[in-house]
Each structure stands twice: as C-alpha cells, then as structure tokens.
Amino acid sequence: MIKSMTGYGGAKGEVNAIAVTAELKSVNNRYLDVSVRLPKSCLFAEEAVRAAVAEKISRGKVDVFINVDTTGAEEAVIKVNGDLAAAYLKAVKDTAECFGLEGDVNALTLLRFPEVLSADKTDTDRDAVAQAIGAVLAEALTEFDAMRAREGQRLAEDIEGKLKNLEAMVAAVEARSPQTVAEYREKLLSRMKEVLADASVDEGRILQEAAIYADKVAVDEEMVRLKSHIAQFRLLLAQGSPAGRKLDFLTQEMNREANTTGSKCADSAIAKTVIDMKAELEKIREQIQNIE
C-alpha cells in the first residue's frame, strides 16, 4: 500500500501507574529525519523511540512529542533523623532540669520538631518507564500509519487517473504519427509538381524523401517506452511504500520521452499533445513528492 509522508498520530495511556502521552506528525523530506522531544528525566529512552519510528517510516521529517508522568508510580519513603531527634530530646530534658519543669515528651511531639521527619520519593525504574513509553508510542504509530495509508490511497487514485490520461495521449500520438508522413508525402509531391510544371515527377525520389522523413519523425520507440514506464509505475503503486524515489525516477524518464517526441515532430497536433503530456507529468511529479 502506498503511504503519504505527511501524517499525524497520537495516543495516551497508563502502564504500571506511569502516564504517557505520545504524538507524531510528519511532513515531506528526502530522507528520514526524526526529532524526539522527551522530558529530561526520560532522555535515556530517546534511541529506543527513534528505532521504533524508523521501523514504521522510511522517509519524511517526523516530530515526536512524548510526555511522561511518573507521579503515580513513585513511592514515598519516610525517614527519621535519629541524631536530630535525640538532640531535641536531650535539649528538652536539660531545659526541664534547669528550670524544674516536667520533661515528658511523647513520640508525636518529638516528630513535630523541624526536620526530624523527611519524605523522599524513590526513583521510578527506567525499564518500567521505557516499557510504558514503548507501549503508548506503538499505539500512536499505529494511528499515524493508518492516516498515512489513507492519504496514500487518495494519492494513488489521483495518480491512476492521470496515468489513464497519459495512455490516451500516447494513443493519440500513435494514431497521428503515420498521418504526418502521408501528409508530408502529399505536400512534397504537390510542391515538386508545381516546381517542375509539366515535367514528370520521379515517384521513386518522392518515396525516398518520404521514407527519410518518416525515419526522422518516428516516435514508435518513445511511445513504447512511455507505455512501459506507465505499466512499471502501476506496478510500483501496487507494491506499496517505500516507492517514492523509484516513482520520481520513472516520472523523469517519462518526461524525457515526451521531450524527445516533441523535438522530433513538427506536427502541431502532436506538439499540442506533447504539451498536455508534460503538464500531466508535472502534476504526477507534484503528487509523488508526498509519497514515502
């Protein structure tokens, strides 16, 4: 299936209490150019993200945006600063003895003193984060690829219509080409009779000149190659992406055959058809710039 180089895909999900949002968008580019934006704490996953994208995409400028929230996966660890608590307790007792006060201190009162308690969060496991990113990214890539396939189908249908137009133009040139030789022979005969007046015209010489002209303006080979290129074009479209570079090359070859045909033929009808051919080929070239 032919795929477009332009597309968008996104997905959200939560894996092992790690929330991930992934988005991809792409535009045309000669080669694959992947830009990945990750939170600083997740930069270790960048190469894995690039590899996942490269498995699905061969051409295009792709921007990948990933946001990761590990709050739900982090566990709070409560620590007691024993040395500080002991110092606070000694200070309380010393003060009580010094001033003749009661020195009873319960645990809750002691824990309320500044910095006796501290809450730290454990670092989320990198493998778990990488797994979560990979799972959500796979969903985003699936949506992204489906959009590119839909766009590619529309491109293929449009190009097929233009290929049919080209085939009709080739048929018109093939039908007109023999007539140009016959018309040239009649014009040549008429002119020679006009110049020679009553003198007899050498029919053999007329035939020889017509044959030379026919060989000069013959476009049979160009039309055969054009039809072959059109068939190859259809085959590549049927085989699917990546085919953009090959299709671009074939379009150049078809344009070359059209130019050669135009340079050979002085006939106005064929010249007009060649101009129409080149216009249609330009439209095809513009379309395949979007194909992966």
Protein backbone atom coordinates (compact mmCIF):
# COMPACT_ATOMS: atom_id res chain seq x y z
CA MET A 1 0.00 0.00 0.00
CA ILE A 2 1.24 3.45 -0.94
CA LYS A 3 1.68 5.76 2.05
CA SER A 4 1.92 9.51 2.28
CA MET A 5 4.87 11.16 4.02
CA THR A 6 2.51 13.53 5.80
CA GLY A 7 0.50 12.33 8.77
CA TYR A 8 -0.45 12.65 12.42
CA GLY A 9 -0.99 10.17 15.22
CA GLY A 10 -1.45 10.37 18.97
CA ALA A 11 -2.15 8.15 21.96
CA LYS A 12 -2.50 8.33 25.73
CA GLY A 13 -2.11 5.52 28.20
CA GLU A 14 -1.04 4.39 31.64
CA VAL A 15 1.26 1.45 32.19
CA ASN A 16 2.28 0.40 35.70
CA ALA A 17 0.90 3.71 37.05
CA ILE A 18 3.11 5.65 34.57
CA ALA A 19 1.04 8.02 32.43
CA VAL A 20 2.36 8.63 28.90
CA THR A 21 1.18 10.87 26.06
CA ALA A 22 2.72 10.40 22.61
CA GLU A 23 2.16 12.44 19.44
CA LEU A 24 3.74 12.22 15.99
CA LYS A 25 3.48 14.50 12.98
CA SER A 26 5.41 14.41 9.72
CA VAL A 27 5.97 16.37 6.53
CA ASN A 28 7.79 15.65 3.27
CA ASN A 29 11.53 15.16 3.30
CA ARG A 30 14.03 13.50 1.02
CA TYR A 31 15.34 11.25 3.80
CA LEU A 32 14.18 10.15 7.26
CA ASP A 33 14.71 12.91 9.82
CA VAL A 34 13.37 12.15 13.31
CA SER A 35 13.18 14.77 16.05
CA VAL A 36 12.30 13.46 19.53
CA ARG A 37 11.20 15.59 22.46
CA LEU A 38 11.22 13.86 25.85
CA PRO A 39 11.28 15.05 29.48
CA LYS A 40 14.85 15.42 30.74
CA SER A 41 14.35 12.54 33.16
CA CYS A 42 13.47 10.23 30.24
CA LEU A 43 16.21 11.09 27.74
CA PHE A 44 17.58 7.57 28.16
CA ALA A 45 14.63 6.34 26.02
CA GLU A 46 15.41 8.55 23.01
CA GLU A 47 17.25 5.94 20.95
CA ALA A 48 14.52 3.36 21.55
CA VAL A 49 11.93 5.89 20.35
CA ARG A 50 13.97 6.64 17.21
CA ALA A 51 14.32 2.93 16.47
CA ALA A 52 10.55 2.37 16.85
CA VAL A 53 9.81 5.23 14.45
CA ALA A 54 12.38 4.01 11.90
CA GLU A 55 10.70 0.59 11.82
CA LYS A 56 7.49 2.17 10.54
CA ILE A 57 8.77 5.08 8.46
CA SER A 58 11.47 5.26 5.78
CA ARG A 59 11.16 8.88 4.57
CA GLY A 60 9.89 12.17 5.94
CA LYS A 61 10.61 14.72 8.64
CA VAL A 62 8.99 13.30 11.77
CA ASP A 63 8.48 15.17 15.04
CA VAL A 64 7.79 13.02 18.09
CA PHE A 65 6.47 14.55 21.30
CA ILE A 66 6.33 12.40 24.44
CA ASN A 67 5.23 13.44 27.91
CA VAL A 68 5.72 11.14 30.90
CA ASP A 69 4.14 11.45 34.36
CA THR A 70 5.64 9.03 36.90
CA THR A 71 3.93 10.52 39.95
CA GLY A 72 1.62 7.55 40.34
CA ALA A 73 4.50 5.08 40.24
CA GLU A 74 6.68 6.83 42.81
CA GLU A 75 6.61 5.58 46.41
CA ALA A 76 7.15 7.92 49.36
CA VAL A 77 9.81 6.83 51.85
CA ILE A 78 9.58 8.36 55.35
CA LYS A 79 12.89 8.75 57.17
CA VAL A 80 13.54 9.70 60.78
CA ASN A 81 16.62 11.75 61.60
CA GLY A 82 17.54 9.86 64.75
CA ASP A 83 20.50 12.01 65.70
CA LEU A 84 18.50 15.19 65.42
CA ALA A 85 15.60 13.68 67.40
CA ALA A 86 18.00 12.62 70.16
CA ALA A 87 19.45 16.10 70.27
CA TYR A 88 15.97 17.63 70.54
CA LEU A 89 15.05 15.18 73.35
CA LYS A 90 18.25 15.96 75.30
CA ALA A 91 17.59 19.66 74.92
CA VAL A 92 14.08 19.24 76.29
CA LYS A 93 15.29 17.24 79.29
CA ASP A 94 18.13 19.66 80.03
CA THR A 95 15.73 22.57 79.90
CA ALA A 96 13.30 20.77 82.21
CA GLU A 97 16.05 20.02 84.75
CA CYS A 98 17.43 23.54 84.58
CA PHE A 99 14.10 25.17 85.28
CA GLY A 100 12.46 22.44 87.35
CA LEU A 101 9.87 21.60 84.72
CA GLU A 102 8.31 18.35 83.67
CA GLY A 103 10.28 16.83 80.87
CA ASP A 104 7.88 14.27 79.46
CA VAL A 105 7.96 14.23 75.67
CA ASN A 106 5.92 11.76 73.65
CA ALA A 107 6.82 10.47 70.19
CA LEU A 108 4.28 12.63 68.35
CA THR A 109 5.64 15.77 69.97
CA LEU A 110 9.19 14.79 69.11
CA LEU A 111 8.33 14.11 65.46
CA ARG A 112 6.89 17.58 65.13
CA PHE A 113 10.25 19.21 65.66
CA PRO A 114 11.73 20.65 62.44
CA GLU A 115 13.49 18.21 60.07
CA VAL A 116 13.05 15.20 62.35
CA LEU A 117 10.92 13.62 59.62
CA SER A 118 11.70 13.69 55.87
CA ALA A 119 9.74 12.25 52.94
CA ASP A 120 11.65 11.13 49.86
CA LYS A 121 10.32 9.58 46.67
CA THR A 122 12.02 6.59 45.13
CA ASP A 123 13.25 6.88 41.54
CA THR A 124 10.94 5.16 39.09
CA ASP A 125 12.52 2.13 37.43
CA ARG A 126 13.92 3.05 33.99
CA ASP A 127 12.82 -0.22 32.46
CA ALA A 128 9.25 0.43 33.59
CA VAL A 129 9.33 3.92 32.08
CA ALA A 130 10.79 2.61 28.82
CA GLN A 131 8.11 -0.09 28.67
CA ALA A 132 5.34 2.46 29.22
CA ILE A 133 6.74 4.79 26.55
CA GLY A 134 7.09 1.92 24.08
CA ALA A 135 3.52 0.71 24.61
CA VAL A 136 1.89 4.12 24.14
CA LEU A 137 4.20 5.06 21.25
CA ALA A 138 3.19 1.85 19.45
CA GLU A 139 -0.46 2.95 19.63
CA ALA A 140 0.40 6.41 18.33
CA LEU A 141 2.42 4.90 15.47
CA THR A 142 -0.50 2.66 14.51
CA GLU A 143 -2.82 5.67 14.24
CA PHE A 144 -0.11 7.64 12.45
CA ASP A 145 0.47 4.85 9.93
CA ALA A 146 -3.27 4.44 9.30
CA MET A 147 -3.58 8.13 8.43
CA ARG A 148 -0.59 7.93 6.07
CA ALA A 149 -2.17 4.91 4.38
CA ARG A 150 -5.47 6.74 3.84
CA GLU A 151 -3.63 9.71 2.36
CA GLY A 152 -1.56 7.37 0.22
CA GLN A 153 -4.70 5.69 -1.16
CA ARG A 154 -6.08 9.05 -2.26
CA LEU A 155 -2.75 9.91 -3.90
CA ALA A 156 -2.67 6.56 -5.73
CA GLU A 157 -6.22 7.05 -7.03
CA ASP A 158 -5.41 10.54 -8.28
CA ILE A 159 -2.21 9.36 -9.98
CA GLU A 160 -4.06 6.45 -11.61
CA GLY A 161 -6.44 8.93 -13.23
CA LYS A 162 -3.51 10.89 -14.60
CA LEU A 163 -1.86 7.70 -15.92
CA LYS A 164 -5.05 6.94 -17.86
CA ASN A 165 -4.90 10.42 -19.35
CA LEU A 166 -1.31 9.77 -20.40
CA GLU A 167 -2.29 6.50 -22.05
CA ALA A 168 -4.96 8.32 -24.05
CA MET A 169 -2.36 10.88 -25.16
CA VAL A 170 0.06 8.13 -26.19
CA ALA A 171 -2.68 6.51 -28.24
CA ALA A 172 -3.41 9.87 -29.90
CA VAL A 173 0.26 10.33 -30.85
CA GLU A 174 0.47 6.78 -32.21
CA ALA A 175 -2.63 7.36 -34.32
CA ARG A 176 -1.46 10.74 -35.62
CA SER A 177 2.18 9.89 -36.34
CA PRO A 178 1.60 7.82 -39.57
CA GLN A 179 -0.69 10.54 -40.89
CA THR A 180 2.08 13.13 -40.66
CA VAL A 181 4.23 11.05 -43.01
CA ALA A 182 1.39 10.68 -45.54
CA GLU A 183 0.69 14.40 -45.37
CA TYR A 184 4.38 15.19 -45.86
CA ARG A 185 4.47 12.93 -48.94
CA GLU A 186 1.45 14.70 -50.44
CA LYS A 187 2.92 18.15 -49.76
CA LEU A 188 6.26 17.12 -51.25
CA LEU A 189 4.61 15.72 -54.34
CA SER A 190 2.49 18.84 -54.78
CA ARG A 191 5.49 21.15 -54.47
CA MET A 192 7.61 19.16 -56.91
CA LYS A 193 4.81 19.16 -59.47
CA GLU A 194 4.48 22.91 -59.01
CA VAL A 195 8.20 23.47 -59.47
CA LEU A 196 8.64 21.05 -62.37
CA ALA A 197 5.39 22.13 -64.07
CA ASP A 198 4.78 19.73 -66.93
CA ALA A 199 7.88 17.68 -66.32
CA SER A 200 7.35 14.21 -64.95
CA VAL A 201 7.92 13.69 -61.23
CA ASP A 202 10.18 10.87 -60.11
CA GLU A 203 7.90 8.80 -57.87
CA GLY A 204 10.87 6.86 -56.54
CA ARG A 205 12.50 10.05 -55.32
CA ILE A 206 9.26 11.07 -53.60
CA LEU A 207 9.10 7.73 -51.82
CA GLN A 208 12.75 8.01 -50.78
CA GLU A 209 12.23 11.51 -49.32
CA ALA A 210 9.08 10.35 -47.53
CA ALA A 211 10.98 7.40 -46.05
CA ILE A 212 13.76 9.68 -44.80
CA TYR A 213 11.17 11.98 -43.25
CA ALA A 214 9.30 9.05 -41.69
CA ASP A 215 12.51 7.80 -40.08
CA LYS A 216 13.31 11.28 -38.80
CA VAL A 217 9.95 11.86 -37.12
CA ALA A 218 9.27 8.28 -35.98
CA VAL A 219 8.28 8.18 -32.31
CA ASP A 220 7.39 4.50 -32.06
CA GLU A 221 10.25 3.77 -29.66
CA GLU A 222 9.37 6.71 -27.43
CA MET A 223 5.72 5.63 -27.24
CA VAL A 224 6.67 2.02 -26.47
CA ARG A 225 8.94 3.18 -23.65
CA LEU A 226 6.27 5.52 -22.33
CA LYS A 227 3.75 2.69 -22.16
CA SER A 228 6.35 0.50 -20.46
CA HIS A 229 7.04 3.22 -17.88
CA ILE A 230 3.32 3.63 -17.21
CA ALA A 231 2.99 -0.14 -16.61
CA GLN A 232 6.01 -0.06 -14.28
CA PHE A 233 4.50 2.94 -12.48
CA ARG A 234 1.32 0.99 -11.81
CA LEU A 235 3.32 -1.98 -10.58
CA LEU A 236 5.19 0.17 -8.07
CA LEU A 237 1.93 1.71 -6.85
CA ALA A 238 0.54 -1.79 -6.31
CA GLN A 239 3.63 -2.96 -4.45
CA GLY A 240 3.30 -0.09 -1.98
CA SER A 241 5.70 2.06 0.02
CA PRO A 242 8.52 2.83 0.07
CA ALA A 243 8.33 3.67 -3.63
CA GLY A 244 8.62 7.46 -3.80
CA ARG A 245 12.19 7.60 -5.12
CA LYS A 246 11.52 5.00 -7.83
CA LEU A 247 8.34 6.75 -8.89
CA ASP A 248 10.22 10.03 -9.08
CA PHE A 249 12.84 8.43 -11.33
CA LEU A 250 10.16 6.93 -13.60
CA THR A 251 8.46 10.31 -13.90
CA GLN A 252 11.75 11.85 -15.04
CA GLU A 253 12.12 9.10 -17.64
CA MET A 254 8.58 9.63 -18.94
CA ASN A 255 9.21 13.35 -19.19
CA ARG A 256 12.37 12.63 -21.19
CA GLU A 257 10.40 10.51 -23.68
CA ALA A 258 7.82 13.28 -24.03
CA ASN A 259 10.56 15.86 -24.70
CA THR A 260 12.14 13.62 -27.33
CA THR A 261 8.76 13.17 -29.01
CA GLY A 262 8.23 16.92 -29.09
CA SER A 263 11.66 17.58 -30.57
CA LYS A 264 11.14 15.00 -33.34
CA CYS A 265 7.69 16.02 -34.50
CA ALA A 266 6.90 19.27 -36.27
CA ASP A 267 3.23 18.39 -36.42
CA SER A 268 1.08 20.89 -34.50
CA ALA A 269 -1.39 18.27 -33.25
CA ILE A 270 1.36 16.08 -31.82
CA ALA A 271 3.11 19.13 -30.37
CA LYS A 272 -0.08 20.07 -28.53
CA THR A 273 -0.46 16.53 -27.22
CA VAL A 274 3.16 16.55 -26.01
CA ILE A 275 2.50 19.78 -24.11
CA ASP A 276 -0.53 18.13 -22.48
CA MET A 277 1.65 15.11 -21.62
CA LYS A 278 4.25 17.26 -19.90
CA ALA A 279 1.56 19.12 -17.96
CA GLU A 280 0.10 15.82 -16.75
CA LEU A 281 3.55 14.51 -15.84
CA GLU A 282 4.22 17.66 -13.81
CA LYS A 283 1.02 17.02 -11.86
CA ILE A 284 2.16 13.45 -11.22
CA ARG A 285 5.58 14.67 -10.11
CA GLU A 286 3.99 17.04 -7.61
CA GLN A 287 1.89 14.22 -6.17
CA ILE A 288 4.71 11.73 -5.76
CA GLN A 289 6.67 14.28 -3.73
CA ASN A 290 4.20 13.31 -0.98
CA ILE A 291 4.76 9.56 -1.33
CA GLU A 292 7.04 7.69 1.05
